[in-house]
């Protein structure tokens, strides 16, 4: 389950930011997770709740904001939605798609004290 290592990385970032910016507690973490990122949001949430205790994020809420997959179609020159990595262009049926979004995972923002 790679979600545990991702969660550990998120907590390291929170601890580093707390030290750098002088806050003592994270109240809420907003994560953006792309639908094509191969990250299971519910597994990530479970891992976060399992290891947040006795950290700067003790009791923090995790909000996950899903980001849709997007691609640029070389054949028709349009930005199109991409429901999965092996989809074809919904407009022209072409298969030359360049991923342009939906594979990311990032901390959008934090509420802190």
N, C-alpha and C. Protein backbone atom coordinates (compact mmCIF):
# COMPACT_ATOMS: atom_id res chain seq x y z
N UNK A 1 0.86 -1.18 0.00
CA UNK A 1 0.00 0.00 0.00
C UNK A 1 0.90 1.24 0.00
N UNK A 2 1.05 1.88 -1.15
CA UNK A 2 1.91 3.05 -1.23
C UNK A 2 1.28 4.28 -0.59
N UNK A 3 -0.01 4.22 -0.28
CA UNK A 3 -0.66 5.35 0.37
C UNK A 3 -0.04 5.64 1.74
N UNK A 4 0.45 4.60 2.43
CA UNK A 4 1.08 4.84 3.72
C UNK A 4 2.36 5.66 3.57
N UNK A 5 3.18 5.33 2.58
CA UNK A 5 4.40 6.12 2.39
C UNK A 5 4.07 7.54 1.92
N UNK A 6 3.04 7.69 1.12
CA UNK A 6 2.60 9.04 0.71
C UNK A 6 2.15 9.84 1.93
N UNK A 7 1.40 9.20 2.81
CA UNK A 7 0.91 9.87 4.01
C UNK A 7 2.07 10.26 4.92
N UNK A 8 3.04 9.39 5.06
CA UNK A 8 4.22 9.72 5.86
C UNK A 8 4.94 10.93 5.27
N UNK A 9 5.00 11.01 3.95
CA UNK A 9 5.60 12.17 3.29
C UNK A 9 4.81 13.44 3.55
N UNK A 10 3.50 13.34 3.52
CA UNK A 10 2.66 14.51 3.81
C UNK A 10 2.91 14.99 5.23
N UNK A 11 2.97 14.08 6.18
CA UNK A 11 3.22 14.47 7.57
C UNK A 11 4.61 15.10 7.74
N UNK A 12 5.61 14.61 7.01
CA UNK A 12 6.94 15.23 7.06
C UNK A 12 6.87 16.68 6.56
N UNK A 13 6.13 16.90 5.48
CA UNK A 13 5.97 18.27 4.96
C UNK A 13 5.29 19.15 6.00
N UNK A 14 4.25 18.64 6.64
CA UNK A 14 3.54 19.42 7.66
C UNK A 14 4.46 19.78 8.82
N UNK A 15 5.26 18.82 9.27
CA UNK A 15 6.21 19.07 10.37
C UNK A 15 7.26 20.10 9.94
N UNK A 16 7.76 20.00 8.72
CA UNK A 16 8.75 20.96 8.23
C UNK A 16 8.16 22.37 8.15
N UNK A 17 6.94 22.46 7.65
CA UNK A 17 6.29 23.77 7.53
C UNK A 17 5.97 24.36 8.91
N UNK A 18 5.60 23.51 9.85
CA UNK A 18 5.34 24.00 11.22
C UNK A 18 6.61 24.61 11.80
N UNK A 19 7.74 23.93 11.60
CA UNK A 19 9.00 24.45 12.11
C UNK A 19 9.40 25.74 11.40
N UNK A 20 9.20 25.79 10.09
CA UNK A 20 9.61 26.95 9.30
C UNK A 20 8.71 28.16 9.52
N UNK A 21 7.41 27.92 9.72
CA UNK A 21 6.46 29.03 9.79
C UNK A 21 5.93 29.31 11.19
N UNK A 22 6.30 28.47 12.14
CA UNK A 22 5.97 28.76 13.54
C UNK A 22 4.56 28.42 13.99
N UNK A 23 3.86 27.55 13.31
CA UNK A 23 2.56 27.13 13.83
C UNK A 23 2.75 25.84 14.63
N UNK A 24 1.79 25.57 15.51
CA UNK A 24 1.94 24.41 16.39
C UNK A 24 0.96 23.29 16.08
N UNK A 25 -0.07 23.59 15.32
CA UNK A 25 -1.08 22.57 15.08
C UNK A 25 -1.74 22.79 13.73
N UNK A 26 -1.95 21.69 13.02
CA UNK A 26 -2.69 21.72 11.77
C UNK A 26 -4.12 21.30 12.09
N UNK A 27 -5.07 22.13 11.71
CA UNK A 27 -6.48 21.85 11.94
C UNK A 27 -7.09 21.11 10.75
N UNK A 28 -6.68 21.53 9.54
CA UNK A 28 -7.25 20.94 8.32
C UNK A 28 -6.20 20.93 7.23
N UNK A 29 -6.17 19.83 6.49
CA UNK A 29 -5.29 19.68 5.33
C UNK A 29 -6.19 19.48 4.12
N UNK A 30 -5.98 20.29 3.08
CA UNK A 30 -6.70 20.09 1.82
C UNK A 30 -5.70 19.56 0.80
N UNK A 31 -6.02 18.36 0.30
CA UNK A 31 -5.17 17.72 -0.72
C UNK A 31 -5.91 17.69 -2.03
N UNK A 32 -5.21 17.99 -3.10
CA UNK A 32 -5.74 17.79 -4.44
C UNK A 32 -5.14 16.49 -4.96
N UNK A 33 -6.00 15.58 -5.39
CA UNK A 33 -5.54 14.29 -5.90
C UNK A 33 -6.18 14.05 -7.26
N UNK A 34 -5.35 13.88 -8.25
CA UNK A 34 -5.83 13.62 -9.60
C UNK A 34 -6.43 12.23 -9.72
N UNK A 35 -7.48 12.14 -10.51
CA UNK A 35 -8.16 10.85 -10.70
C UNK A 35 -7.29 9.84 -11.43
N UNK A 36 -6.21 10.29 -12.07
CA UNK A 36 -5.30 9.39 -12.78
C UNK A 36 -3.99 9.17 -12.02
N UNK A 37 -3.96 9.56 -10.76
CA UNK A 37 -2.72 9.53 -9.98
C UNK A 37 -2.37 8.17 -9.40
N UNK A 38 -3.25 7.20 -9.48
CA UNK A 38 -3.04 5.88 -8.88
C UNK A 38 -2.99 5.96 -7.36
N UNK A 39 -3.64 6.96 -6.80
CA UNK A 39 -3.75 7.09 -5.35
C UNK A 39 -5.21 6.85 -4.99
N UNK A 40 -5.43 5.94 -4.06
CA UNK A 40 -6.79 5.67 -3.59
C UNK A 40 -7.10 6.64 -2.46
N UNK A 41 -7.99 7.60 -2.69
CA UNK A 41 -8.28 8.60 -1.66
C UNK A 41 -8.73 8.01 -0.32
N UNK A 42 -9.54 6.97 -0.35
CA UNK A 42 -10.02 6.40 0.91
C UNK A 42 -8.90 5.69 1.66
N UNK A 43 -8.00 5.04 0.96
CA UNK A 43 -6.84 4.43 1.61
C UNK A 43 -5.93 5.51 2.21
N UNK A 44 -5.76 6.60 1.48
CA UNK A 44 -4.94 7.70 1.99
C UNK A 44 -5.58 8.29 3.24
N UNK A 45 -6.88 8.47 3.22
CA UNK A 45 -7.60 8.99 4.39
C UNK A 45 -7.41 8.04 5.59
N UNK A 46 -7.55 6.74 5.37
CA UNK A 46 -7.37 5.76 6.43
C UNK A 46 -5.96 5.86 7.02
N UNK A 47 -4.96 5.93 6.15
CA UNK A 47 -3.57 6.03 6.61
C UNK A 47 -3.33 7.31 7.39
N UNK A 48 -3.88 8.42 6.90
CA UNK A 48 -3.72 9.71 7.58
C UNK A 48 -4.28 9.63 8.99
N UNK A 49 -5.49 9.08 9.12
CA UNK A 49 -6.11 8.97 10.44
C UNK A 49 -5.34 8.01 11.35
N UNK A 50 -4.68 7.03 10.75
CA UNK A 50 -3.95 6.04 11.55
C UNK A 50 -2.64 6.59 12.11
N UNK A 51 -1.99 7.53 11.40
CA UNK A 51 -0.67 7.97 11.85
C UNK A 51 -0.57 9.45 12.24
N UNK A 52 -1.65 10.19 12.22
CA UNK A 52 -1.58 11.61 12.53
C UNK A 52 -1.43 11.91 14.02
N UNK A 53 -1.83 10.94 14.90
CA UNK A 53 -1.76 11.18 16.34
C UNK A 53 -0.33 11.45 16.78
N UNK A 54 -0.22 12.35 17.74
CA UNK A 54 1.06 12.75 18.32
C UNK A 54 2.00 13.38 17.29
N UNK A 55 1.40 14.03 16.29
CA UNK A 55 2.15 14.83 15.32
C UNK A 55 1.52 16.22 15.33
N UNK A 56 2.05 17.10 14.52
CA UNK A 56 1.48 18.44 14.39
C UNK A 56 0.06 18.38 13.81
N UNK A 57 -0.29 17.24 13.20
CA UNK A 57 -1.61 17.06 12.59
C UNK A 57 -2.55 16.24 13.47
N UNK A 58 -2.23 16.09 14.75
CA UNK A 58 -3.07 15.31 15.67
C UNK A 58 -4.51 15.86 15.64
N UNK A 59 -5.46 15.03 15.23
CA UNK A 59 -6.86 15.42 15.16
C UNK A 59 -7.25 16.24 13.94
N UNK A 60 -6.32 16.46 13.03
CA UNK A 60 -6.61 17.29 11.86
C UNK A 60 -7.59 16.59 10.92
N UNK A 61 -8.38 17.41 10.26
CA UNK A 61 -9.31 16.92 9.23
C UNK A 61 -8.56 16.87 7.90
N UNK A 62 -8.83 15.84 7.12
CA UNK A 62 -8.26 15.72 5.79
C UNK A 62 -9.38 15.88 4.77
N UNK A 63 -9.27 16.91 3.95
CA UNK A 63 -10.23 17.12 2.86
C UNK A 63 -9.53 16.78 1.56
N UNK A 64 -10.15 15.92 0.78
CA UNK A 64 -9.58 15.50 -0.50
C UNK A 64 -10.40 16.10 -1.64
N UNK A 65 -9.72 16.83 -2.49
CA UNK A 65 -10.35 17.48 -3.63
C UNK A 65 -9.94 16.71 -4.89
N UNK A 66 -10.88 16.01 -5.53
CA UNK A 66 -10.51 15.24 -6.73
C UNK A 66 -10.31 16.17 -7.93
N UNK A 67 -9.29 15.87 -8.71
CA UNK A 67 -9.02 16.62 -9.94
C UNK A 67 -9.23 15.69 -11.13
N UNK A 68 -10.01 16.11 -12.11
CA UNK A 68 -10.30 15.23 -13.25
C UNK A 68 -9.08 15.06 -14.16
N UNK A 69 -9.07 13.95 -14.87
CA UNK A 69 -8.04 13.73 -15.88
C UNK A 69 -8.29 14.62 -17.08
N UNK A 70 -7.21 15.15 -17.65
CA UNK A 70 -7.29 16.00 -18.84
C UNK A 70 -6.14 15.65 -19.77
N UNK A 71 -6.38 15.84 -21.04
CA UNK A 71 -5.33 15.59 -22.03
C UNK A 71 -5.48 16.54 -23.21
N UNK A 72 -4.37 16.73 -23.92
CA UNK A 72 -4.39 17.48 -25.17
C UNK A 72 -4.38 16.46 -26.30
N UNK A 73 -5.36 16.58 -27.19
CA UNK A 73 -5.43 15.66 -28.34
C UNK A 73 -4.62 16.26 -29.49
N UNK A 74 -3.58 15.54 -29.88
CA UNK A 74 -2.73 15.99 -30.98
C UNK A 74 -3.51 15.98 -32.29
N UNK A 75 -4.43 15.02 -32.45
CA UNK A 75 -5.18 14.89 -33.70
C UNK A 75 -6.13 16.05 -33.96
N UNK A 76 -6.88 16.47 -32.94
CA UNK A 76 -7.85 17.55 -33.18
C UNK A 76 -7.46 18.87 -32.51
N UNK A 77 -6.40 18.86 -31.71
CA UNK A 77 -5.90 20.10 -31.12
C UNK A 77 -6.73 20.63 -29.96
N UNK A 78 -7.52 19.77 -29.32
CA UNK A 78 -8.37 20.23 -28.22
C UNK A 78 -7.91 19.66 -26.88
N UNK A 79 -8.20 20.41 -25.84
CA UNK A 79 -8.05 19.92 -24.47
C UNK A 79 -9.33 19.16 -24.15
N UNK A 80 -9.19 17.89 -23.74
CA UNK A 80 -10.36 17.03 -23.55
C UNK A 80 -10.30 16.34 -22.18
N UNK A 81 -11.46 15.95 -21.65
CA UNK A 81 -11.45 15.15 -20.42
C UNK A 81 -10.89 13.76 -20.70
N UNK A 82 -10.20 13.21 -19.70
CA UNK A 82 -9.59 11.90 -19.85
C UNK A 82 -10.02 11.03 -18.67
N UNK A 83 -11.00 10.14 -18.89
CA UNK A 83 -11.52 9.34 -17.78
C UNK A 83 -10.56 8.27 -17.28
N UNK A 84 -9.64 7.81 -18.15
CA UNK A 84 -8.60 6.86 -17.76
C UNK A 84 -7.44 6.99 -18.75
N UNK A 85 -6.30 6.47 -18.39
CA UNK A 85 -5.07 6.69 -19.16
C UNK A 85 -5.11 6.16 -20.59
N UNK A 86 -5.92 5.17 -20.88
CA UNK A 86 -5.92 4.57 -22.21
C UNK A 86 -7.16 4.95 -23.02
N UNK A 87 -7.79 6.02 -22.65
CA UNK A 87 -8.98 6.50 -23.37
C UNK A 87 -8.57 7.13 -24.70
N UNK A 88 -9.52 7.20 -25.59
CA UNK A 88 -9.33 7.93 -26.85
C UNK A 88 -10.02 9.27 -26.73
N UNK A 89 -9.73 10.15 -27.63
CA UNK A 89 -10.34 11.49 -27.62
C UNK A 89 -11.85 11.38 -27.77
N UNK A 90 -12.60 11.97 -26.85
CA UNK A 90 -14.06 11.90 -26.96
C UNK A 90 -14.61 12.74 -28.11
N UNK A 91 -13.81 13.65 -28.63
CA UNK A 91 -14.28 14.50 -29.74
C UNK A 91 -14.01 13.89 -31.11
N UNK A 92 -12.79 13.38 -31.33
CA UNK A 92 -12.45 12.90 -32.67
C UNK A 92 -12.12 11.40 -32.72
N UNK A 93 -12.00 10.76 -31.56
CA UNK A 93 -11.67 9.34 -31.53
C UNK A 93 -10.19 9.05 -31.68
N UNK A 94 -9.38 10.11 -31.77
CA UNK A 94 -7.94 9.93 -31.93
C UNK A 94 -7.29 9.36 -30.67
N UNK A 95 -6.15 8.71 -30.87
CA UNK A 95 -5.45 8.10 -29.76
C UNK A 95 -4.17 8.80 -29.37
N UNK A 96 -3.87 9.93 -29.97
CA UNK A 96 -2.64 10.66 -29.65
C UNK A 96 -2.94 11.72 -28.60
N UNK A 97 -3.01 11.26 -27.36
CA UNK A 97 -3.34 12.16 -26.26
C UNK A 97 -2.12 12.38 -25.38
N UNK A 98 -1.89 13.64 -25.03
CA UNK A 98 -0.81 14.00 -24.11
C UNK A 98 -1.45 14.42 -22.79
N UNK A 99 -1.15 13.68 -21.75
CA UNK A 99 -1.70 13.97 -20.43
C UNK A 99 -1.36 15.39 -20.01
N UNK A 100 -2.36 16.15 -19.60
CA UNK A 100 -2.11 17.53 -19.17
C UNK A 100 -2.62 17.79 -17.75
N UNK A 101 -3.24 16.82 -17.13
CA UNK A 101 -3.69 17.00 -15.75
C UNK A 101 -4.43 15.78 -15.25
N UNK A 102 -4.48 15.69 -13.94
CA UNK A 102 -5.19 14.58 -13.32
C UNK A 102 -4.28 13.52 -12.75
N UNK A 103 -2.96 13.70 -12.88
CA UNK A 103 -2.03 12.73 -12.30
C UNK A 103 -1.30 13.29 -11.08
N UNK A 104 -1.68 14.47 -10.64
CA UNK A 104 -0.99 15.13 -9.56
C UNK A 104 -1.56 14.80 -8.17
N UNK A 105 -0.75 15.02 -7.17
CA UNK A 105 -1.18 14.99 -5.78
C UNK A 105 -0.39 16.08 -5.07
N UNK A 106 -1.11 17.01 -4.47
CA UNK A 106 -0.41 18.11 -3.80
C UNK A 106 -1.24 18.64 -2.64
N UNK A 107 -0.53 19.22 -1.69
CA UNK A 107 -1.20 19.90 -0.59
C UNK A 107 -1.65 21.25 -1.13
N UNK A 108 -2.95 21.47 -1.14
CA UNK A 108 -3.47 22.74 -1.65
C UNK A 108 -3.29 23.83 -0.62
N UNK A 109 -3.75 23.58 0.61
CA UNK A 109 -3.56 24.55 1.68
C UNK A 109 -3.82 23.89 3.03
N UNK A 110 -3.54 24.65 4.07
CA UNK A 110 -3.67 24.19 5.44
C UNK A 110 -4.41 25.22 6.27
N UNK A 111 -5.16 24.75 7.25
CA UNK A 111 -5.65 25.61 8.32
C UNK A 111 -4.83 25.25 9.54
N UNK A 112 -4.22 26.27 10.16
CA UNK A 112 -3.29 26.02 11.26
C UNK A 112 -3.60 26.93 12.44
N UNK A 113 -3.01 26.55 13.57
CA UNK A 113 -3.08 27.41 14.78
C UNK A 113 -1.67 27.68 15.24
